[in-house]
Structure formats: C-alpha cells, structure tokens
C-alpha cells in the first residue's frame, strides 16, 4: 500500500476526531437538534459513543466520559491500523 492509502486512512480518522470534537462542543451550546448538519454529526458519532455510554452511564457520575474514551479508542485503532498496513 502506498502513501495515498496511508493519507486516506489518516484523513478518515482525523474526520472522526473532528466530528467527535464538534459533537462535544455542541453539547455545551444551544443548537437546533433538527438541523441536517447536527443530525449528520450525530449519525457519525453515535456509533463511536454508544458502546462507552453503556459501560459508564453518565447519570452515575454526572459527566459523560464517553467522548474521552472514544477519543482514546480512535487513536489506538488508527495507530494499530496504520502500523499493520504500513
């Protein structure tokens, strides 16, 4: 696999990271949940967050730690995938 494949995978994971960051920032400010952009961000990030939300429910500690775990998982998967392929 070449440099182009490496870049495509890297850009994909950067996109996930930025979508997750945007989701976190949106949780702090009022927004229209019916907006097509907001719905798109939720469609991308929900599958990343849901497994971690099931492990540590936010109602127990008052803070949703799922994004923190998701950022960590994205970094690990990205690193492993790139090391295995390149």
PDB file of N, CA and C in Angstrom:
ATOM      1  N   UNK A   1       0.853  -1.178   0.000  1.00  0.00           N
ATOM      2  CA  UNK A   1       0.000   0.000   0.000  1.00  0.00           C
ATOM      3  C   UNK A   1       0.896   1.237   0.000  1.00  0.00           C
ATOM      4  N   UNK A   2       0.417   2.235  -0.673  1.00  0.00           N
ATOM      5  CA  UNK A   2       1.255   3.403  -0.849  1.00  0.00           C
ATOM      6  C   UNK A   2       0.903   4.559   0.062  1.00  0.00           C
ATOM      7  N   UNK A   3       1.544   5.653  -0.252  1.00  0.00           N
ATOM      8  CA  UNK A   3       1.361   6.875   0.521  1.00  0.00           C
ATOM      9  C   UNK A   3      -0.074   7.384   0.434  1.00  0.00           C
ATOM     10  N   UNK A   4      -0.709   7.223  -0.728  1.00  0.00           N
ATOM     11  CA  UNK A   4      -2.094   7.678  -0.902  1.00  0.00           C
ATOM     12  C   UNK A   4      -3.033   6.934   0.047  1.00  0.00           C
ATOM     13  N   UNK A   5      -2.857   5.622   0.158  1.00  0.00           N
ATOM     14  CA  UNK A   5      -3.687   4.832   1.072  1.00  0.00           C
ATOM     15  C   UNK A   5      -3.489   5.277   2.518  1.00  0.00           C
ATOM     16  N   UNK A   6      -2.248   5.515   2.869  1.00  0.00           N
ATOM     17  CA  UNK A   6      -1.930   5.989   4.218  1.00  0.00           C
ATOM     18  C   UNK A   6      -2.660   7.303   4.495  1.00  0.00           C
ATOM     19  N   UNK A   7      -2.595   8.230   3.533  1.00  0.00           N
ATOM     20  CA  UNK A   7      -3.235   9.540   3.696  1.00  0.00           C
ATOM     21  C   UNK A   7      -4.744   9.409   3.805  1.00  0.00           C
ATOM     22  N   UNK A   8      -5.347   8.531   3.017  1.00  0.00           N
ATOM     23  CA  UNK A   8      -6.802   8.342   3.054  1.00  0.00           C
ATOM     24  C   UNK A   8      -7.227   7.842   4.428  1.00  0.00           C
ATOM     25  N   UNK A   9      -6.521   6.857   4.939  1.00  0.00           N
ATOM     26  CA  UNK A   9      -6.845   6.327   6.271  1.00  0.00           C
ATOM     27  C   UNK A   9      -6.644   7.406   7.330  1.00  0.00           C
ATOM     28  N   UNK A  10      -5.564   8.147   7.229  1.00  0.00           N
ATOM     29  CA  UNK A  10      -5.281   9.200   8.196  1.00  0.00           C
ATOM     30  C   UNK A  10      -6.352  10.288   8.161  1.00  0.00           C
ATOM     31  N   UNK A  11      -6.771  10.699   6.985  1.00  0.00           N
ATOM     32  CA  UNK A  11      -7.815  11.726   6.854  1.00  0.00           C
ATOM     33  C   UNK A  11      -9.144  11.209   7.405  1.00  0.00           C
ATOM     34  N   UNK A  12      -9.434   9.938   7.187  1.00  0.00           N
ATOM     35  CA  UNK A  12     -10.661   9.347   7.725  1.00  0.00           C
ATOM     36  C   UNK A  12     -10.693   9.453   9.249  1.00  0.00           C
ATOM     37  N   UNK A  13      -9.598   9.076   9.894  1.00  0.00           N
ATOM     38  CA  UNK A  13      -9.552   9.132  11.353  1.00  0.00           C
ATOM     39  C   UNK A  13      -9.547  10.574  11.864  1.00  0.00           C
ATOM     40  N   UNK A  14      -8.928  11.479  11.134  1.00  0.00           N
ATOM     41  CA  UNK A  14      -8.984  12.898  11.502  1.00  0.00           C
ATOM     42  C   UNK A  14     -10.420  13.410  11.420  1.00  0.00           C
ATOM     43  N   UNK A  15     -11.147  12.970  10.407  1.00  0.00           N
ATOM     44  CA  UNK A  15     -12.551  13.350  10.272  1.00  0.00           C
ATOM     45  C   UNK A  15     -13.386  12.871  11.449  1.00  0.00           C
ATOM     46  N   UNK A  16     -13.139  11.635  11.881  1.00  0.00           N
ATOM     47  CA  UNK A  16     -13.844  11.113  13.057  1.00  0.00           C
ATOM     48  C   UNK A  16     -13.513  11.940  14.295  1.00  0.00           C
ATOM     49  N   UNK A  17     -12.248  12.264  14.436  1.00  0.00           N
ATOM     50  CA  UNK A  17     -11.804  13.054  15.578  1.00  0.00           C
ATOM     51  C   UNK A  17     -12.498  14.421  15.585  1.00  0.00           C
ATOM     52  N   UNK A  18     -12.508  15.093  14.432  1.00  0.00           N
ATOM     53  CA  UNK A  18     -13.122  16.417  14.356  1.00  0.00           C
ATOM     54  C   UNK A  18     -14.637  16.361  14.551  1.00  0.00           C
ATOM     55  N   UNK A  19     -15.287  15.328  14.027  1.00  0.00           N
ATOM     56  CA  UNK A  19     -16.727  15.178  14.222  1.00  0.00           C
ATOM     57  C   UNK A  19     -17.041  14.986  15.704  1.00  0.00           C
ATOM     58  N   UNK A  20     -16.236  14.193  16.370  1.00  0.00           N
ATOM     59  CA  UNK A  20     -16.429  13.967  17.801  1.00  0.00           C
ATOM     60  C   UNK A  20     -16.171  15.245  18.597  1.00  0.00           C
ATOM     61  N   UNK A  21     -15.142  15.990  18.220  1.00  0.00           N
ATOM     62  CA  UNK A  21     -14.857  17.258  18.889  1.00  0.00           C
ATOM     63  C   UNK A  21     -16.012  18.240  18.697  1.00  0.00           C
ATOM     64  N   UNK A  22     -16.544  18.292  17.490  1.00  0.00           N
ATOM     65  CA  UNK A  22     -17.682  19.172  17.223  1.00  0.00           C
ATOM     66  C   UNK A  22     -18.891  18.760  18.043  1.00  0.00           C
ATOM     67  N   UNK A  23     -19.104  17.466  18.169  1.00  0.00           N
ATOM     68  CA  UNK A  23     -20.221  16.971  18.985  1.00  0.00           C
ATOM     69  C   UNK A  23     -20.071  17.403  20.438  1.00  0.00           C
ATOM     70  N   UNK A  24     -18.863  17.312  20.967  1.00  0.00           N
ATOM     71  CA  UNK A  24     -18.609  17.728  22.348  1.00  0.00           C
ATOM     72  C   UNK A  24     -18.878  19.228  22.497  1.00  0.00           C
ATOM     73  N   UNK A  25     -18.369  20.021  21.576  1.00  0.00           N
ATOM     74  CA  UNK A  25     -18.578  21.472  21.639  1.00  0.00           C
ATOM     75  C   UNK A  25     -20.057  21.824  21.522  1.00  0.00           C
ATOM     76  N   UNK A  26     -20.782  21.118  20.675  1.00  0.00           N
ATOM     77  CA  UNK A  26     -22.213  21.379  20.529  1.00  0.00           C
ATOM     78  C   UNK A  26     -22.993  21.042  21.796  1.00  0.00           C
ATOM     79  N   UNK A  27     -22.475  20.122  22.582  1.00  0.00           N
ATOM     80  CA  UNK A  27     -23.185  19.763  23.815  1.00  0.00           C
ATOM     81  C   UNK A  27     -23.124  20.889  24.843  1.00  0.00           C
ATOM     82  N   UNK A  28     -22.208  21.836  24.643  1.00  0.00           N
ATOM     83  CA  UNK A  28     -22.057  22.939  25.577  1.00  0.00           C
ATOM     84  C   UNK A  28     -22.851  24.174  25.184  1.00  0.00           C
ATOM     85  N   UNK A  29     -23.325  24.239  23.940  1.00  0.00           N
ATOM     86  CA  UNK A  29     -24.035  25.438  23.482  1.00  0.00           C
ATOM     87  C   UNK A  29     -25.416  25.058  22.963  1.00  0.00           C
ATOM     88  N   UNK A  30     -26.375  25.976  23.057  1.00  0.00           N
ATOM     89  CA  UNK A  30     -27.700  25.694  22.499  1.00  0.00           C
ATOM     90  C   UNK A  30     -27.618  25.581  20.969  1.00  0.00           C
ATOM     91  N   UNK A  31     -28.337  24.627  20.418  1.00  0.00           N
ATOM     92  CA  UNK A  31     -28.360  24.437  18.976  1.00  0.00           C
ATOM     93  C   UNK A  31     -29.681  23.801  18.565  1.00  0.00           C
ATOM     94  N   UNK A  32     -29.947  23.835  17.283  1.00  0.00           N
ATOM     95  CA  UNK A  32     -31.168  23.249  16.743  1.00  0.00           C
ATOM     96  C   UNK A  32     -30.919  21.769  16.447  1.00  0.00           C
ATOM     97  N   UNK A  33     -31.513  20.868  17.232  1.00  0.00           N
ATOM     98  CA  UNK A  33     -31.258  19.441  17.021  1.00  0.00           C
ATOM     99  C   UNK A  33     -31.862  18.910  15.722  1.00  0.00           C
ATOM    100  N   UNK A  34     -32.739  19.676  15.093  1.00  0.00           N
ATOM    101  CA  UNK A  34     -33.355  19.239  13.846  1.00  0.00           C
ATOM    102  C   UNK A  34     -32.567  19.660  12.613  1.00  0.00           C
ATOM    103  N   UNK A  35     -31.470  20.377  12.815  1.00  0.00           N
ATOM    104  CA  UNK A  35     -30.628  20.799  11.708  1.00  0.00           C
ATOM    105  C   UNK A  35     -30.021  19.577  11.018  1.00  0.00           C
ATOM    106  N   UNK A  36     -29.943  19.615   9.702  1.00  0.00           N
ATOM    107  CA  UNK A  36     -29.389  18.468   8.973  1.00  0.00           C
ATOM    108  C   UNK A  36     -27.916  18.253   9.314  1.00  0.00           C
ATOM    109  N   UNK A  37     -27.176  19.323   9.556  1.00  0.00           N
ATOM    110  CA  UNK A  37     -25.764  19.185   9.939  1.00  0.00           C
ATOM    111  C   UNK A  37     -25.636  18.517  11.305  1.00  0.00           C
ATOM    112  N   UNK A  38     -26.473  18.924  12.251  1.00  0.00           N
ATOM    113  CA  UNK A  38     -26.441  18.333  13.595  1.00  0.00           C
ATOM    114  C   UNK A  38     -26.812  16.857  13.522  1.00  0.00           C
ATOM    115  N   UNK A  39     -27.828  16.534  12.741  1.00  0.00           N
ATOM    116  CA  UNK A  39     -28.223  15.131  12.595  1.00  0.00           C
ATOM    117  C   UNK A  39     -27.100  14.308  11.979  1.00  0.00           C
ATOM    118  N   UNK A  40     -26.403  14.876  11.002  1.00  0.00           N
ATOM    119  CA  UNK A  40     -25.287  14.190  10.359  1.00  0.00           C
ATOM    120  C   UNK A  40     -24.161  13.916  11.365  1.00  0.00           C
ATOM    121  N   UNK A  41     -23.849  14.913  12.177  1.00  0.00           N
ATOM    122  CA  UNK A  41     -22.800  14.748  13.189  1.00  0.00           C
ATOM    123  C   UNK A  41     -23.185  13.657  14.183  1.00  0.00           C
ATOM    124  N   UNK A  42     -24.450  13.628  14.574  1.00  0.00           N
ATOM    125  CA  UNK A  42     -24.915  12.592  15.499  1.00  0.00           C
ATOM    126  C   UNK A  42     -24.860  11.207  14.850  1.00  0.00           C
ATOM    127  N   UNK A  43     -25.192  11.116  13.565  1.00  0.00           N
ATOM    128  CA  UNK A  43     -25.133   9.820  12.880  1.00  0.00           C
ATOM    129  C   UNK A  43     -23.708   9.287  12.829  1.00  0.00           C
ATOM    130  N   UNK A  44     -22.747  10.173  12.673  1.00  0.00           N
ATOM    131  CA  UNK A  44     -21.349   9.748  12.618  1.00  0.00           C
ATOM    132  C   UNK A  44     -20.823   9.372  13.999  1.00  0.00           C
ATOM    133  N   UNK A  45     -21.175  10.162  15.005  1.00  0.00           N
ATOM    134  CA  UNK A  45     -20.571   9.985  16.325  1.00  0.00           C
ATOM    135  C   UNK A  45     -21.322   9.030  17.249  1.00  0.00           C
ATOM    136  N   UNK A  46     -22.610   8.820  17.024  1.00  0.00           N
ATOM    137  CA  UNK A  46     -23.358   7.913  17.899  1.00  0.00           C
ATOM    138  C   UNK A  46     -22.750   6.507  17.969  1.00  0.00           C
ATOM    139  N   UNK A  47     -22.378   5.913  16.821  1.00  0.00           N
ATOM    140  CA  UNK A  47     -21.768   4.571  16.919  1.00  0.00           C
ATOM    141  C   UNK A  47     -20.441   4.558  17.685  1.00  0.00           C
ATOM    142  N   UNK A  48     -19.740   5.688  17.708  1.00  0.00           N
ATOM    143  CA  UNK A  48     -18.492   5.762  18.465  1.00  0.00           C
ATOM    144  C   UNK A  48     -18.745   5.908  19.960  1.00  0.00           C
ATOM    145  N   UNK A  49     -19.788   6.638  20.310  1.00  0.00           N
ATOM    146  CA  UNK A  49     -20.054   6.946  21.715  1.00  0.00           C
ATOM    147  C   UNK A  49     -20.881   5.884  22.432  1.00  0.00           C
ATOM    148  N   UNK A  50     -21.809   5.271  21.726  1.00  0.00           N
ATOM    149  CA  UNK A  50     -22.768   4.362  22.367  1.00  0.00           C
ATOM    150  C   UNK A  50     -22.120   3.243  23.178  1.00  0.00           C
ATOM    151  N   UNK A  51     -21.091   2.560  22.667  1.00  0.00           N
ATOM    152  CA  UNK A  51     -20.502   1.483  23.494  1.00  0.00           C
ATOM    153  C   UNK A  51     -19.939   1.991  24.822  1.00  0.00           C
ATOM    154  N   UNK A  52     -19.354   3.165  24.798  1.00  0.00           N
ATOM    155  CA  UNK A  52     -18.768   3.716  26.020  1.00  0.00           C
ATOM    156  C   UNK A  52     -19.844   4.262  26.954  1.00  0.00           C
ATOM    157  N   UNK A  53     -20.947   4.750  26.402  1.00  0.00           N
ATOM    158  CA  UNK A  53     -22.045   5.228  27.234  1.00  0.00           C
ATOM    159  C   UNK A  53     -22.707   4.063  27.967  1.00  0.00           C
ATOM    160  N   UNK A  54     -22.677   2.894  27.364  1.00  0.00           N
ATOM    161  CA  UNK A  54     -23.235   1.710  28.021  1.00  0.00           C
ATOM    162  C   UNK A  54     -22.334   1.200  29.137  1.00  0.00           C
ATOM    163  N   UNK A  55     -21.041   1.437  29.017  1.00  0.00           N
ATOM    164  CA  UNK A  55     -20.095   0.977  30.040  1.00  0.00           C
ATOM    165  C   UNK A  55     -20.166   1.865  31.279  1.00  0.00           C
ATOM    166  N   UNK A  56     -20.106   3.179  31.081  1.00  0.00           N
ATOM    167  CA  UNK A  56     -20.122   4.130  32.190  1.00  0.00           C
ATOM    168  C   UNK A  56     -21.279   5.110  31.962  1.00  0.00           C
ATOM    169  N   UNK A  57     -22.456   4.786  32.480  1.00  0.00           N
ATOM    170  CA  UNK A  57     -23.581   5.706  32.299  1.00  0.00           C
ATOM    171  C   UNK A  57     -23.300   7.065  32.951  1.00  0.00           C
ATOM    172  N   UNK A  58     -23.621   8.128  32.245  1.00  0.00           N
ATOM    173  CA  UNK A  58     -23.312   9.472  32.739  1.00  0.00           C
ATOM    174  C   UNK A  58     -24.134   9.848  33.962  1.00  0.00           C
ATOM    175  N   UNK A  59     -25.291   9.235  34.145  1.00  0.00           N
ATOM    176  CA  UNK A  59     -26.125   9.607  35.284  1.00  0.00           C
ATOM    177  C   UNK A  59     -25.491   9.195  36.608  1.00  0.00           C
ATOM    178  N   UNK A  60     -24.575   8.257  36.574  1.00  0.00           N
ATOM    179  CA  UNK A  60     -23.943   7.815  37.821  1.00  0.00           C
ATOM    180  C   UNK A  60     -22.933   8.829  38.348  1.00  0.00           C
ATOM    181  N   UNK A  61     -22.229   9.498  37.449  1.00  0.00           N
ATOM    182  CA  UNK A  61     -21.194  10.430  37.892  1.00  0.00           C
ATOM    183  C   UNK A  61     -21.488  11.871  37.489  1.00  0.00           C
ATOM    184  N   UNK A  62     -22.525  12.083  36.684  1.00  0.00           N
ATOM    185  CA  UNK A  62     -22.904  13.436  36.299  1.00  0.00           C
ATOM    186  C   UNK A  62     -22.137  14.001  35.118  1.00  0.00           C
ATOM    187  N   UNK A  63     -21.176  13.263  34.604  1.00  0.00           N
ATOM    188  CA  UNK A  63     -20.380  13.700  33.457  1.00  0.00           C
ATOM    189  C   UNK A  63     -20.337  12.549  32.453  1.00  0.00           C
ATOM    190  N   UNK A  64     -20.508  12.883  31.184  1.00  0.00           N
ATOM    191  CA  UNK A  64     -20.424  11.864  30.143  1.00  0.00           C
ATOM    192  C   UNK A  64     -18.956  11.691  29.736  1.00  0.00           C
ATOM    193  N   UNK A  65     -18.377  10.587  30.130  1.00  0.00           N
ATOM    194  CA  UNK A  65     -16.983  10.303  29.812  1.00  0.00           C
ATOM    195  C   UNK A  65     -16.821   9.571  28.485  1.00  0.00           C
ATOM    196  N   UNK A  66     -17.926   9.254  27.823  1.00  0.00           N
ATOM    197  CA  UNK A  66     -17.864   8.508  26.569  1.00  0.00           C
ATOM    198  C   UNK A  66     -16.984   9.187  25.519  1.00  0.00           C
ATOM    199  N   UNK A  67     -17.057  10.522  25.332  1.00  0.00           N
ATOM    200  CA  UNK A  67     -16.171  11.131  24.333  1.00  0.00           C
ATOM    201  C   UNK A  67     -14.690  10.945  24.651  1.00  0.00           C
ATOM    202  N   UNK A  68     -14.333  10.999  25.901  1.00  0.00           N
ATOM    203  CA  UNK A  68     -12.931  10.799  26.284  1.00  0.00           C
ATOM    204  C   UNK A  68     -12.460   9.402  25.891  1.00  0.00           C
ATOM    205  N   UNK A  69     -13.272   8.397  26.198  1.00  0.00           N
ATOM    206  CA  UNK A  69     -12.933   7.026  25.831  1.00  0.00           C
ATOM    207  C   UNK A  69     -12.920   6.852  24.315  1.00  0.00           C
ATOM    208  N   UNK A  70     -13.852   7.515  23.623  1.00  0.00           N
ATOM    209  CA  UNK A  70     -13.909   7.414  22.164  1.00  0.00           C
ATOM    210  C   UNK A  70     -12.673   8.041  21.522  1.00  0.00           C
ATOM    211  N   UNK A  71     -12.230   9.197  22.023  1.00  0.00           N
ATOM    212  CA  UNK A  71     -11.001   9.799  21.500  1.00  0.00           C
ATOM    213  C   UNK A  71      -9.820   8.847  21.679  1.00  0.00           C
ATOM    214  N   UNK A  72      -9.738   8.247  22.836  1.00  0.00           N
ATOM    215  CA  UNK A  72      -8.664   7.307  23.130  1.00  0.00           C
ATOM    216  C   UNK A  72      -8.729   6.103  22.185  1.00  0.00           C
ATOM    217  N   UNK A  73      -9.932   5.555  21.989  1.00  0.00           N
ATOM    218  CA  UNK A  73     -10.112   4.388  21.118  1.00  0.00           C
ATOM    219  C   UNK A  73      -9.782   4.717  19.665  1.00  0.00           C
ATOM    220  N   UNK A  74     -10.196   5.891  19.198  1.00  0.00           N
ATOM    221  CA  UNK A  74      -9.893   6.299  17.828  1.00  0.00           C
ATOM    222  C   UNK A  74      -8.380   6.357  17.622  1.00  0.00           C
ATOM    223  N   UNK A  75      -7.677   6.905  18.583  1.00  0.00           N
ATOM    224  CA  UNK A  75      -6.220   6.989  18.483  1.00  0.00           C
ATOM    225  C   UNK A  75      -5.553   5.626  18.439  1.00  0.00           C
ATOM    226  N   UNK A  76      -6.031   4.718  19.272  1.00  0.00           N
ATOM    227  CA  UNK A  76      -5.452   3.369  19.307  1.00  0.00           C
ATOM    228  C   UNK A  76      -5.732   2.629  18.008  1.00  0.00           C
ATOM    229  N   UNK A  77      -6.970   2.663  17.539  1.00  0.00           N
ATOM    230  CA  UNK A  77      -7.327   1.951  16.311  1.00  0.00           C
ATOM    231  C   UNK A  77      -6.565   2.523  15.120  1.00  0.00           C
ATOM    232  N   UNK A  78      -6.463   3.846  15.047  1.00  0.00           N
ATOM    233  CA  UNK A  78      -5.720   4.493  13.964  1.00  0.00           C
ATOM    234  C   UNK A  78      -4.262   4.038  13.968  1.00  0.00           C
ATOM    235  N   UNK A  79      -3.641   4.093  15.136  1.00  0.00           N
ATOM    236  CA  UNK A  79      -2.231   3.722  15.244  1.00  0.00           C
ATOM    237  C   UNK A  79      -2.023   2.250  14.861  1.00  0.00           C
ATOM    238  N   UNK A  80      -2.869   1.366  15.386  1.00  0.00           N
ATOM    239  CA  UNK A  80      -2.730  -0.059  15.086  1.00  0.00           C
ATOM    240  C   UNK A  80      -2.939  -0.333  13.602  1.00  0.00           C
ATOM    241  N   UNK A  81      -3.959   0.281  13.027  1.00  0.00           N
ATOM    242  CA  UNK A  81      -4.251   0.048  11.612  1.00  0.00           C
ATOM    243  C   UNK A  81      -3.107   0.516  10.728  1.00  0.00           C
ATOM    244  N   UNK A  82      -2.591   1.687  11.016  1.00  0.00           N
ATOM    245  CA  UNK A  82      -1.501   2.204  10.194  1.00  0.00           C
ATOM    246  C   UNK A  82      -0.216   1.394  10.381  1.00  0.00           C
ATOM    247  N   UNK A  83       0.021   0.907  11.590  1.00  0.00           N
ATOM    248  CA  UNK A  83       1.210   0.078  11.816  1.00  0.00           C
ATOM    249  C   UNK A  83       1.092  -1.276  11.120  1.00  0.00           C
ATOM    250  N   UNK A  84      -0.117  -1.831  11.122  1.00  0.00           N
ATOM    251  CA  UNK A  84      -0.311  -3.133  10.480  1.00  0.00           C
ATOM    252  C   UNK A  84      -0.217  -3.050   8.966  1.00  0.00           C
ATOM    253  N   UNK A  85      -0.710  -1.955   8.408  1.00  0.00           N
ATOM    254  CA  UNK A  85      -0.756  -1.822   6.954  1.00  0.00           C
ATOM    255  C   UNK A  85       0.513  -1.234   6.357  1.00  0.00           C
ATOM    256  N   UNK A  86       1.237  -0.450   7.147  1.00  0.00           N
ATOM    257  CA  UNK A  86       2.387   0.248   6.557  1.00  0.00           C
ATOM    258  C   UNK A  86       3.623  -0.053   7.356  1.00  0.00           C
TER     259      UNK A  86
END
